[in-house]
Amino acid sequence: MPASPKVSIIMGVYNCEKTLPEAIDSILNQTFQDWEFVICDDCSTDGTYKILEEYKKQYPDKFVLLSNEKNSRLAASLNHCLQYASGEYIARMDGDDLSVPSRLEKLAAFLDEHQEYQVVGSQMMMFDENGDIGVKGIQEFPDKYTMRKKTPFTHATIMMRKYAYDALNGYRVCTETRRCEDAELWFRFFKEGFSGCNLQEPLYKVREDRKAFQRRKLRYGIDLLKVCWKGFRMLDYPFYYYFYLIKPLVSSIMPSFVMKTYHELRTRSVG
């Protein structure tokens, strides 16, 4: 019986045929090669699953290909992946982004050397069809109080110890987490007493989606408010922290051009 890989990469995909090959190739081109790629298709209606089958055929020992019986969103897809992931470390990846060649090597080395941390993430480089745009910074050593203002780890960049994912029972699947499954996970992560670090270099490249700001909806802001309300109580935040709960609602009703400008101001230019 073959030994389990050091790292399992998990990815949920839905209708991303145009970007998927480039995303997968960025994993194939990693300097660290002791990995398996567990991918769950969430009932795509384009050529996504056919692309996955071609990669599975070409690299049968590297890919675990799954599919949901019905469209179930990201949290359920990632839980499906976690059922089959056998690596000591679990890394995330999205079907429209890219991993820098040294990403897995550096994240795995960090966890090898720092047993006190359960997760490690990194900065992100924003890019579009014209090239790199800028780096999105993130706090190096977040703690449970980071959650009052922002997400402590950028979800797609992380590598987590499998025992930590198991202790948290993966992602919570419900209406409230349909667009904020990561925020809900981090509240439970800190409640468990876990901790993590963000490497201060961009090891992950996220594709700039100029339409994302137009897709924000009030109901998603309400969902995030509910998740944060429960999370604040879970982490025993002082009452005055609850003032920050207005942020999800404000963000969901702000004009798209205002949010886009704010987003750009938080991104450090590569120029």
Protein backbone atom coordinates (compact mmCIF):
# COMPACT_ATOMS: atom_id res chain seq x y z
CA MET A 1 0.00 0.00 0.00
CA PRO A 2 1.55 3.35 -1.02
CA ALA A 3 2.51 5.80 1.74
CA SER A 4 0.28 8.80 2.30
CA PRO A 5 1.55 12.07 0.81
CA LYS A 6 2.87 14.82 3.04
CA VAL A 7 0.37 17.36 1.67
CA SER A 8 -3.18 17.08 0.36
CA ILE A 9 -4.44 20.04 -1.67
CA ILE A 10 -8.23 20.41 -1.56
CA MET A 11 -10.24 22.37 -4.10
CA GLY A 12 -13.94 22.81 -4.80
CA VAL A 13 -14.73 23.85 -8.38
CA TYR A 14 -17.77 25.08 -10.25
CA ASN A 15 -17.85 26.25 -13.87
CA CYS A 16 -14.25 27.37 -14.12
CA GLU A 17 -13.15 25.72 -17.36
CA LYS A 18 -11.34 28.85 -18.60
CA THR A 19 -9.03 29.20 -15.58
CA LEU A 20 -8.82 25.64 -14.22
CA PRO A 21 -5.92 24.30 -16.34
CA GLU A 22 -3.65 27.18 -15.32
CA ALA A 23 -4.56 26.69 -11.66
CA ILE A 24 -3.84 22.94 -11.77
CA ASP A 25 -0.60 23.45 -13.69
CA SER A 26 0.62 25.80 -10.95
CA ILE A 27 0.40 22.83 -8.55
CA LEU A 28 2.04 20.44 -10.99
CA ASN A 29 4.93 22.91 -11.23
CA GLN A 30 5.59 23.10 -7.49
CA THR A 31 9.14 22.62 -6.22
CA PHE A 32 7.62 20.36 -3.53
CA GLN A 33 6.15 17.20 -5.08
CA ASP A 34 5.02 15.01 -2.16
CA TRP A 35 1.33 15.85 -2.62
CA GLU A 36 -2.07 14.64 -3.76
CA PHE A 37 -4.71 16.89 -5.31
CA VAL A 38 -8.26 16.20 -4.09
CA ILE A 39 -10.77 18.08 -6.25
CA CYS A 40 -14.56 18.11 -5.93
CA ASP A 41 -16.72 19.31 -8.82
CA ASP A 42 -19.92 20.97 -7.61
CA CYS A 43 -22.14 19.93 -10.56
CA SER A 44 -20.53 22.18 -13.16
CA THR A 45 -22.49 22.78 -16.34
CA ASP A 46 -19.50 23.68 -18.54
CA GLY A 47 -16.39 21.64 -19.41
CA THR A 48 -14.86 21.72 -15.93
CA TYR A 49 -15.36 18.04 -15.14
CA LYS A 50 -14.02 16.93 -18.51
CA ILE A 51 -10.83 18.90 -17.85
CA LEU A 52 -10.49 17.21 -14.47
CA GLU A 53 -10.89 13.78 -16.06
CA GLU A 54 -8.05 14.53 -18.48
CA TYR A 55 -5.70 15.44 -15.63
CA LYS A 56 -6.76 12.36 -13.67
CA LYS A 57 -6.04 10.20 -16.72
CA GLN A 58 -2.61 11.77 -17.20
CA TYR A 59 -1.64 11.74 -13.49
CA PRO A 60 -3.67 8.90 -11.91
CA ASP A 61 -1.55 8.71 -8.75
CA LYS A 62 -1.68 12.44 -8.06
CA PHE A 63 -5.37 13.28 -8.43
CA VAL A 64 -8.44 12.25 -6.46
CA LEU A 65 -11.51 13.31 -8.42
CA LEU A 66 -14.87 13.73 -6.67
CA SER A 67 -18.27 15.14 -7.59
CA ASN A 68 -21.32 16.25 -5.58
CA GLU A 69 -24.74 14.75 -6.27
CA LYS A 70 -26.20 18.26 -6.33
CA ASN A 71 -24.84 21.80 -6.33
CA SER A 72 -23.89 22.31 -2.67
CA ARG A 73 -21.52 25.32 -2.59
CA LEU A 74 -17.93 25.56 -1.41
CA ALA A 75 -18.15 24.48 2.24
CA ALA A 76 -19.83 21.17 1.37
CA SER A 77 -17.40 20.58 -1.50
CA LEU A 78 -14.40 21.11 0.78
CA ASN A 79 -15.86 18.77 3.40
CA HIS A 80 -16.25 16.17 0.66
CA CYS A 81 -12.56 16.63 -0.17
CA LEU A 82 -11.56 16.33 3.49
CA GLN A 83 -13.17 12.89 3.65
CA TYR A 84 -10.61 11.63 1.12
CA ALA A 85 -7.56 13.75 1.98
CA SER A 86 -4.81 11.61 3.52
CA GLY A 87 -1.94 14.08 3.89
CA GLU A 88 -0.45 15.25 7.16
CA TYR A 89 -1.03 18.81 5.98
CA ILE A 90 -4.04 20.14 4.07
CA ALA A 91 -3.58 23.06 1.66
CA ARG A 92 -6.29 25.09 -0.06
CA MET A 93 -6.51 26.09 -3.70
CA ASP A 94 -9.16 27.75 -5.87
CA GLY A 95 -9.86 26.98 -9.51
CA ASP A 96 -9.24 30.49 -10.81
CA ASP A 97 -6.02 31.30 -8.91
CA LEU A 98 -2.33 30.36 -9.06
CA SER A 99 0.23 29.02 -6.59
CA VAL A 100 3.77 30.39 -6.75
CA PRO A 101 6.17 27.46 -7.49
CA SER A 102 7.70 27.50 -3.99
CA ARG A 103 4.37 27.82 -2.16
CA LEU A 104 3.93 24.24 -0.90
CA GLU A 105 7.61 23.89 -0.07
CA LYS A 106 7.68 27.01 2.11
CA LEU A 107 4.36 26.38 3.87
CA ALA A 108 5.20 22.75 4.65
CA ALA A 109 8.68 23.70 5.88
CA PHE A 110 7.14 26.26 8.24
CA LEU A 111 4.78 23.70 9.78
CA ASP A 112 7.65 21.19 10.07
CA GLU A 113 9.72 23.74 11.97
CA HIS A 114 6.97 25.29 14.10
CA GLN A 115 4.94 22.62 15.85
CA GLU A 116 3.21 25.27 17.97
CA TYR A 117 1.16 26.49 14.99
CA GLN A 118 -1.78 24.64 13.42
CA VAL A 119 -2.06 26.73 10.25
CA VAL A 120 0.12 28.89 8.04
CA GLY A 121 -0.98 31.27 5.29
CA SER A 122 0.71 33.94 3.22
CA GLN A 123 0.25 37.26 1.51
CA MET A 124 -1.52 37.31 -1.87
CA MET A 125 -0.57 38.86 -5.18
CA MET A 126 -3.51 40.26 -7.13
CA PHE A 127 -3.35 39.79 -10.90
CA ASP A 128 -5.45 40.13 -14.04
CA GLU A 129 -5.05 39.61 -17.78
CA ASN A 130 -2.49 42.42 -17.88
CA GLY A 131 -0.22 40.99 -15.21
CA ASP A 132 0.44 41.49 -11.50
CA ILE A 133 -1.41 44.33 -9.79
CA GLY A 134 -0.24 44.44 -6.20
CA VAL A 135 0.22 42.59 -2.94
CA LYS A 136 -2.52 42.27 -0.35
CA GLY A 137 -0.86 42.33 3.04
CA ILE A 138 -2.05 40.43 6.09
CA GLN A 139 -1.15 40.40 9.78
CA GLU A 140 1.79 38.09 10.49
CA PHE A 141 0.59 36.76 13.84
CA PRO A 142 -3.21 37.13 14.11
CA ASP A 143 -5.06 36.17 17.26
CA LYS A 144 -8.68 35.77 18.26
CA TYR A 145 -9.14 39.53 18.54
CA THR A 146 -8.20 39.99 14.89
CA MET A 147 -11.64 38.60 14.08
CA ARG A 148 -13.39 41.73 15.34
CA LYS A 149 -12.20 43.68 12.27
CA LYS A 150 -11.02 41.29 9.58
CA THR A 151 -10.27 37.73 8.59
CA PRO A 152 -7.05 36.50 10.25
CA PHE A 153 -5.99 34.24 7.36
CA THR A 154 -6.74 34.47 3.65
CA HIS A 155 -8.60 31.23 3.13
CA ALA A 156 -7.19 30.12 -0.23
CA THR A 157 -3.57 30.59 0.89
CA ILE A 158 -3.60 28.34 3.94
CA MET A 159 -2.02 25.02 4.83
CA MET A 160 -3.44 23.42 7.99
CA ARG A 161 -2.48 20.35 9.97
CA LYS A 162 -4.98 17.58 9.27
CA TYR A 163 -5.55 16.93 12.96
CA ALA A 164 -6.74 20.52 13.33
CA TYR A 165 -9.25 20.17 10.49
CA ASP A 166 -10.42 16.92 12.09
CA ALA A 167 -10.79 18.55 15.51
CA LEU A 168 -12.93 21.30 13.95
CA ASN A 169 -15.04 18.78 11.97
CA GLY A 170 -14.29 20.72 8.79
CA TYR A 171 -16.55 23.48 7.55
CA ARG A 172 -20.03 24.30 8.80
CA VAL A 173 -22.59 23.89 6.01
CA CYS A 174 -25.67 26.10 6.35
CA THR A 175 -27.31 29.13 4.74
CA GLU A 176 -25.36 31.56 6.92
CA THR A 177 -21.99 30.30 5.71
CA ARG A 178 -22.74 30.28 1.97
CA ARG A 179 -20.28 33.14 1.38
CA CYS A 180 -18.32 33.20 4.64
CA GLU A 181 -17.43 29.59 5.47
CA ASP A 182 -13.88 30.66 6.28
CA ALA A 183 -14.87 33.32 8.85
CA GLU A 184 -17.02 30.81 10.71
CA LEU A 185 -14.14 28.30 10.67
CA TRP A 186 -11.71 30.81 12.20
CA PHE A 187 -14.01 31.57 15.11
CA ARG A 188 -14.04 27.88 15.99
CA PHE A 189 -10.30 27.63 15.28
CA PHE A 190 -9.48 30.20 17.96
CA LYS A 191 -12.09 28.79 20.34
CA GLU A 192 -10.22 25.48 20.11
CA GLY A 193 -7.06 27.25 21.27
CA PHE A 194 -5.29 26.92 17.93
CA SER A 195 -2.95 29.53 16.47
CA GLY A 196 -1.31 30.34 13.16
CA CYS A 197 1.02 32.58 11.19
CA ASN A 198 1.01 34.37 7.83
CA LEU A 199 4.29 34.37 5.92
CA GLN A 200 5.06 37.90 4.77
CA GLU A 201 5.59 37.08 1.13
CA PRO A 202 3.04 36.52 -1.67
CA LEU A 203 3.02 32.76 -2.30
CA TYR A 204 -0.46 32.78 -3.82
CA LYS A 205 -1.85 34.73 -6.76
CA VAL A 206 -5.55 35.61 -6.78
CA ARG A 207 -7.28 36.56 -9.99
CA GLU A 208 -8.86 40.01 -9.75
CA ASP A 209 -12.60 39.67 -10.33
CA ARG A 210 -13.87 43.10 -11.28
CA LYS A 211 -17.46 41.88 -11.15
CA ALA A 212 -17.19 40.64 -7.56
CA PHE A 213 -18.04 44.05 -6.12
CA GLN A 214 -21.20 44.13 -8.20
CA ARG A 215 -22.32 40.73 -6.89
CA ARG A 216 -22.42 41.73 -3.23
CA LYS A 217 -25.88 41.35 -1.82
CA LEU A 218 -27.49 42.54 1.39
CA ARG A 219 -28.47 39.01 2.38
CA TYR A 220 -24.81 37.94 2.32
CA GLY A 221 -23.98 40.87 4.60
CA ILE A 222 -26.72 39.72 6.96
CA ASP A 223 -25.34 36.16 6.84
CA LEU A 224 -21.88 37.41 7.80
CA LEU A 225 -23.33 39.54 10.58
CA LYS A 226 -25.02 36.44 12.04
CA VAL A 227 -21.81 34.42 11.82
CA CYS A 228 -19.84 37.21 13.50
CA TRP A 229 -22.45 37.72 16.22
CA LYS A 230 -22.22 34.05 17.17
CA GLY A 231 -18.45 34.12 16.84
CA PHE A 232 -18.08 37.17 19.08
CA ARG A 233 -20.09 35.38 21.75
CA MET A 234 -18.07 32.20 21.23
CA LEU A 235 -14.80 34.06 21.85
CA ASP A 236 -16.21 36.09 24.78
CA TYR A 237 -15.55 39.47 23.18
CA PRO A 238 -16.24 42.55 25.33
CA PHE A 239 -19.54 44.19 24.51
CA TYR A 240 -18.06 47.28 22.85
CA TYR A 241 -16.50 45.04 20.16
CA TYR A 242 -20.00 44.41 18.85
CA PHE A 243 -19.86 47.85 17.25
CA TYR A 244 -17.79 46.24 14.49
CA LEU A 245 -20.78 44.11 13.47
CA ILE A 246 -22.08 46.99 11.41
CA LYS A 247 -19.22 46.55 8.93
CA PRO A 248 -20.71 43.57 6.97
CA LEU A 249 -23.94 45.48 6.40
CA VAL A 250 -22.19 48.68 5.37
CA SER A 251 -19.98 46.77 2.93
CA SER A 252 -22.98 45.04 1.35
CA ILE A 253 -24.86 48.27 0.61
CA MET A 254 -21.92 50.46 -0.43
CA PRO A 255 -21.76 51.35 -4.15
CA SER A 256 -19.44 49.01 -6.02
CA PHE A 257 -17.04 51.77 -7.06
CA VAL A 258 -16.54 52.80 -3.42
CA MET A 259 -15.68 49.25 -2.34
CA LYS A 260 -13.40 48.82 -5.34
CA THR A 261 -11.50 51.99 -4.41
CA TYR A 262 -11.16 50.84 -0.79
CA HIS A 263 -9.92 47.45 -1.99
CA GLU A 264 -7.29 49.07 -4.22
CA LEU A 265 -6.04 51.26 -1.37
CA ARG A 266 -5.38 48.15 0.70
CA THR A 267 -3.36 46.56 -2.10
CA ARG A 268 0.32 47.46 -2.27
CA SER A 269 1.33 48.20 -5.87
CA VAL A 270 4.12 46.13 -7.44
CA GLY A 271 5.29 49.17 -9.39
